[in-house]
Amino acid sequence: MTGPDLADLDRRILAAHKAGRGRDLARAYAEAADAAAAAGDADREAFFLTQAYVFALDTGAAEAGRYAARLRAAGRHD
């Protein structure tokens, strides 16, 4: 299994920002966090996961709790 097409993911993030689609941003940033985790880059994973968490909170997405739990498990959230 291969990871996401990072160029496509970048385009989706930029398009969602431009269109103000917060739920799409939360999902795309979570996907970027997963890709960073798969690459073993904990700092990038935490950055993208934080963005996913913020947009999930902002839009009331149920995934916010899951993102917070991942950040806590990594020592990146109180």
Protein backbone atom coordinates (compact mmCIF):
# COMPACT_ATOMS: atom_id res chain seq x y z
CA MET A 1 0.00 0.00 0.00
CA THR A 2 1.30 3.44 -0.85
CA GLY A 3 0.74 6.72 0.95
CA PRO A 4 -1.27 9.65 -0.33
CA ASP A 5 -0.22 11.69 -3.34
CA LEU A 6 1.34 14.57 -1.42
CA ALA A 7 1.04 17.03 -4.30
CA ASP A 8 -2.67 16.24 -4.57
CA LEU A 9 -3.04 16.54 -0.80
CA ASP A 10 -1.35 19.94 -0.91
CA ARG A 11 -3.73 21.09 -3.67
CA ARG A 12 -6.74 19.89 -1.67
CA ILE A 13 -5.57 21.74 1.43
CA LEU A 14 -5.04 24.96 -0.51
CA ALA A 15 -8.42 24.65 -2.25
CA ALA A 16 -10.20 23.98 1.04
CA HIS A 17 -8.51 27.02 2.61
CA LYS A 18 -9.56 29.18 -0.31
CA ALA A 19 -13.15 27.92 -0.15
CA GLY A 20 -13.35 28.06 3.65
CA ARG A 21 -14.26 24.37 3.98
CA GLY A 22 -13.16 23.64 7.52
CA ARG A 23 -14.27 20.01 7.67
CA ASP A 24 -12.37 19.24 4.49
CA LEU A 25 -9.34 20.98 6.01
CA ALA A 26 -9.58 18.89 9.16
CA ARG A 27 -9.69 15.67 7.15
CA ALA A 28 -6.89 16.72 4.79
CA TYR A 29 -4.61 17.81 7.63
CA ALA A 30 -5.32 14.51 9.41
CA GLU A 31 -4.32 12.70 6.23
CA ALA A 32 -1.12 14.75 6.11
CA ALA A 33 -0.47 13.85 9.77
CA ASP A 34 -0.90 10.16 8.92
CA ALA A 35 1.57 10.51 6.04
CA ALA A 36 4.10 12.23 8.33
CA ALA A 37 3.64 9.50 10.95
CA ALA A 38 4.23 6.82 8.31
CA ALA A 39 7.44 8.63 7.33
CA GLY A 40 8.55 8.70 10.98
CA ASP A 41 8.44 12.49 11.23
CA ALA A 42 6.87 13.14 14.65
CA ASP A 43 7.21 16.93 14.47
CA ARG A 44 5.44 17.19 11.12
CA GLU A 45 2.81 14.73 12.33
CA ALA A 46 2.14 16.91 15.39
CA PHE A 47 1.97 20.08 13.29
CA PHE A 48 -0.53 18.64 10.83
CA LEU A 49 -2.52 16.94 13.57
CA THR A 50 -2.76 20.23 15.46
CA GLN A 51 -4.16 21.87 12.34
CA ALA A 52 -6.65 19.03 11.93
CA TYR A 53 -7.68 19.41 15.56
CA VAL A 54 -8.17 23.19 15.29
CA PHE A 55 -10.33 22.92 12.17
CA ALA A 56 -12.30 20.02 13.64
CA LEU A 57 -13.00 22.07 16.76
CA ASP A 58 -13.92 25.10 14.68
CA THR A 59 -16.48 23.12 12.68
CA GLY A 60 -17.79 20.93 15.49
CA ALA A 61 -16.52 17.77 13.79
CA ALA A 62 -16.70 14.60 15.86
CA GLU A 63 -13.12 13.74 14.89
CA ALA A 64 -11.79 16.47 17.18
CA GLY A 65 -11.75 14.09 20.13
CA ARG A 66 -9.77 11.52 18.18
CA TYR A 67 -7.22 14.13 17.09
CA ALA A 68 -6.87 15.39 20.67
CA ALA A 69 -6.30 11.84 21.90
CA ARG A 70 -3.52 11.34 19.37
CA LEU A 71 -1.89 14.60 20.39
CA ARG A 72 -2.10 13.63 24.07
CA ALA A 73 -0.60 10.20 23.36
CA ALA A 74 2.32 11.93 21.66
CA GLY A 75 2.77 14.34 24.58
CA ARG A 76 1.66 17.31 22.45
CA HIS A 77 -1.58 18.24 24.24
CA ASP A 78 -2.39 18.94 27.88
